Amino acid sequence: MAKKTLFRLQFETDFRVVGVFCQEADYRICWLINNQLGFNFKRVSDFSSFQSRLGAEAHFSVYHFSTETLQQDIFLVNNHSSEGTPLFTAPPGLDFLLLIKADQARFDYTGLLKNLRSIRPVTASYLIDDALGRNKEPFLYDFEMFLAHELKM
């Protein structure tokens, strides 16, 4: 009898995910974050994702900020598409995803979260790496492919 070998592949990513809860428009929250934290977010092409609830693709706005000296890439992704569907339904009320690709040992997440919470329209912000559930890994894989195509990283 032949033995079967089972391989399990798991996708690993360098992204940490911060959830931002804020009712402002995406361009407005970018402007507020740029002023408060000294970032320089710039709009890039929309991220497209197939939504089974719609049976079609949905488009999510994406903003990018990069620091070459610290080797950090930060993306602000709107959790609500232009068609009105959410990218993630959990945690409830999530408005934006802040995807951070940086050296984990040198990035100050505590300071970032404190500064985000000090922005008046932001009601909450916290690390949500585990709160996104099973849809996180396929999303991050698709987002990496999007970045490779759009930003030529």
Protein backbone atom coordinates (compact mmCIF):
# COMPACT_ATOMS: atom_id res chain seq x y z
CA MET A 1 0.00 0.00 0.00
CA ALA A 2 1.39 3.39 -1.00
CA LYS A 3 1.86 5.97 1.68
CA LYS A 4 0.38 9.39 1.19
CA THR A 5 2.29 12.50 2.09
CA LEU A 6 0.23 15.50 3.03
CA PHE A 7 1.74 18.96 2.64
CA ARG A 8 0.24 21.92 4.37
CA LEU A 9 1.26 25.29 3.07
CA GLN A 10 0.70 28.38 5.09
CA PHE A 11 1.12 31.90 3.82
CA GLU A 12 3.34 34.08 5.96
CA THR A 13 3.26 37.85 5.66
CA ASP A 14 5.20 40.69 7.17
CA PHE A 15 2.08 42.82 7.62
CA ARG A 16 0.63 43.79 10.97
CA VAL A 17 -2.96 44.98 10.80
CA VAL A 18 -4.32 47.91 12.79
CA GLY A 19 -8.06 48.51 12.76
CA VAL A 20 -9.17 52.14 12.64
CA PHE A 21 -12.72 52.99 13.61
CA CYS A 22 -13.64 56.39 12.20
CA GLN A 23 -16.69 57.66 10.32
CA GLU A 24 -14.72 60.16 8.22
CA ALA A 25 -14.18 59.78 4.48
CA ASP A 26 -10.95 58.07 3.44
CA TYR A 27 -9.31 61.22 2.06
CA ARG A 28 -10.18 63.11 5.26
CA ILE A 29 -8.73 60.50 7.61
CA CYS A 30 -5.56 60.42 5.48
CA TRP A 31 -5.24 64.18 5.81
CA LEU A 32 -5.75 63.94 9.59
CA ILE A 33 -3.18 61.14 9.94
CA ASN A 34 -0.71 63.02 7.74
CA ASN A 35 -1.02 66.10 9.97
CA GLN A 36 -1.01 64.28 13.31
CA LEU A 37 1.67 61.64 12.64
CA GLY A 38 3.78 63.36 9.99
CA PHE A 39 2.97 60.75 7.35
CA ASN A 40 2.55 61.51 3.66
CA PHE A 41 -0.17 59.17 2.40
CA LYS A 42 -0.75 59.21 -1.35
CA ARG A 43 -3.64 57.58 -3.17
CA VAL A 44 -2.80 54.56 -5.32
CA SER A 45 -5.02 52.38 -7.51
CA ASP A 46 -8.04 50.75 -5.91
CA PHE A 47 -7.70 47.21 -4.60
CA SER A 48 -10.18 44.89 -6.31
CA SER A 49 -11.55 41.84 -4.56
CA PHE A 50 -14.20 39.37 -5.64
CA GLN A 51 -17.10 39.54 -3.21
CA SER A 52 -19.23 36.39 -3.18
CA ARG A 53 -22.06 38.35 -1.56
CA LEU A 54 -22.25 40.55 -4.66
CA GLY A 55 -21.19 37.98 -7.20
CA ALA A 56 -18.86 40.64 -8.60
CA GLU A 57 -15.69 42.55 -7.85
CA ALA A 58 -15.67 45.33 -5.30
CA HIS A 59 -13.16 48.19 -5.28
CA PHE A 60 -11.51 49.48 -2.10
CA SER A 61 -9.51 52.72 -1.92
CA VAL A 62 -5.85 52.39 -0.91
CA TYR A 63 -3.37 55.01 0.32
CA HIS A 64 0.37 54.39 0.63
CA PHE A 65 3.15 55.92 2.71
CA SER A 66 6.75 54.74 2.60
CA THR A 67 9.96 55.64 4.41
CA GLU A 68 13.07 54.43 2.64
CA THR A 69 15.42 55.13 5.56
CA LEU A 70 13.40 53.05 8.03
CA GLN A 71 12.24 50.54 5.39
CA GLN A 72 8.58 50.91 6.30
CA ASP A 73 5.54 50.66 4.07
CA ILE A 74 2.18 51.65 5.48
CA PHE A 75 -1.12 51.25 3.65
CA LEU A 76 -4.52 52.60 4.60
CA VAL A 77 -7.27 50.47 3.06
CA ASN A 78 -10.93 51.47 3.25
CA ASN A 79 -12.95 48.56 4.64
CA HIS A 80 -16.01 49.71 2.67
CA SER A 81 -15.99 49.43 -1.10
CA SER A 82 -17.28 52.03 -3.50
CA GLU A 83 -20.18 49.58 -4.01
CA GLY A 84 -20.93 49.67 -0.26
CA THR A 85 -19.84 46.17 0.76
CA PRO A 86 -17.33 45.56 3.56
CA LEU A 87 -14.05 43.78 2.99
CA PHE A 88 -14.23 42.34 6.53
CA THR A 89 -17.39 42.01 8.59
CA ALA A 90 -15.52 41.34 11.84
CA PRO A 91 -14.78 43.21 13.99
CA PRO A 92 -18.08 45.06 13.65
CA GLY A 93 -17.86 48.73 12.77
CA LEU A 94 -14.36 48.48 11.27
CA ASP A 95 -13.85 51.39 8.88
CA PHE A 96 -10.17 51.23 7.84
CA LEU A 97 -7.28 48.80 7.85
CA LEU A 98 -3.81 50.15 8.45
CA LEU A 99 -1.41 47.56 7.02
CA ILE A 100 2.13 48.00 8.30
CA LYS A 101 5.10 46.28 6.71
CA ALA A 102 8.10 47.11 8.87
CA ASP A 103 10.73 45.60 11.12
CA GLN A 104 8.63 44.46 14.07
CA ALA A 105 11.41 45.11 16.58
CA ARG A 106 11.94 48.72 15.50
CA PHE A 107 8.35 49.84 14.93
CA ASP A 108 6.54 51.56 17.82
CA TYR A 109 2.98 50.18 17.66
CA THR A 110 2.10 51.56 21.09
CA GLY A 111 3.02 55.09 20.02
CA LEU A 112 1.19 54.71 16.72
CA LEU A 113 -2.00 53.54 18.42
CA LYS A 114 -1.79 56.32 20.99
CA ASN A 115 -1.36 58.95 18.25
CA LEU A 116 -4.19 57.49 16.17
CA ARG A 117 -6.52 57.58 19.17
CA SER A 118 -5.66 61.24 19.74
CA ILE A 119 -7.17 62.17 16.37
CA ARG A 120 -10.60 63.58 17.20
CA PRO A 121 -12.84 61.60 14.77
CA VAL A 122 -11.09 58.27 15.50
CA THR A 123 -13.23 56.40 18.02
CA ALA A 124 -10.87 53.40 18.40
CA SER A 125 -7.75 51.82 16.96
CA TYR A 126 -6.04 48.60 17.93
CA LEU A 127 -4.12 45.65 16.49
CA ILE A 128 -6.58 43.29 14.85
CA ASP A 129 -4.28 40.63 13.42
CA ASP A 130 -6.29 37.81 15.00
CA ALA A 131 -9.73 39.44 14.87
CA LEU A 132 -10.05 39.24 11.07
CA GLY A 133 -10.62 35.50 11.12
CA ARG A 134 -10.03 33.05 8.31
CA ASN A 135 -10.42 35.67 5.57
CA LYS A 136 -7.22 37.42 6.63
CA GLU A 137 -4.74 35.10 4.90
CA PRO A 138 -6.43 35.13 1.45
CA PHE A 139 -6.81 38.91 1.67
CA LEU A 140 -3.14 39.46 2.55
CA TYR A 141 -2.05 37.13 -0.26
CA ASP A 142 -4.25 39.02 -2.75
CA PHE A 143 -3.01 42.34 -1.38
CA GLU A 144 0.64 41.26 -1.81
CA MET A 145 -0.13 40.38 -5.45
CA PHE A 146 -1.84 43.75 -5.87
CA LEU A 147 1.25 45.51 -4.48
CA ALA A 148 3.60 43.56 -6.70
CA HIS A 149 1.60 44.62 -9.74
CA GLU A 150 0.76 48.20 -8.77
CA LEU A 151 3.84 49.42 -6.93
CA LYS A 152 6.47 47.16 -8.54
CA MET A 153 7.86 46.30 -5.09
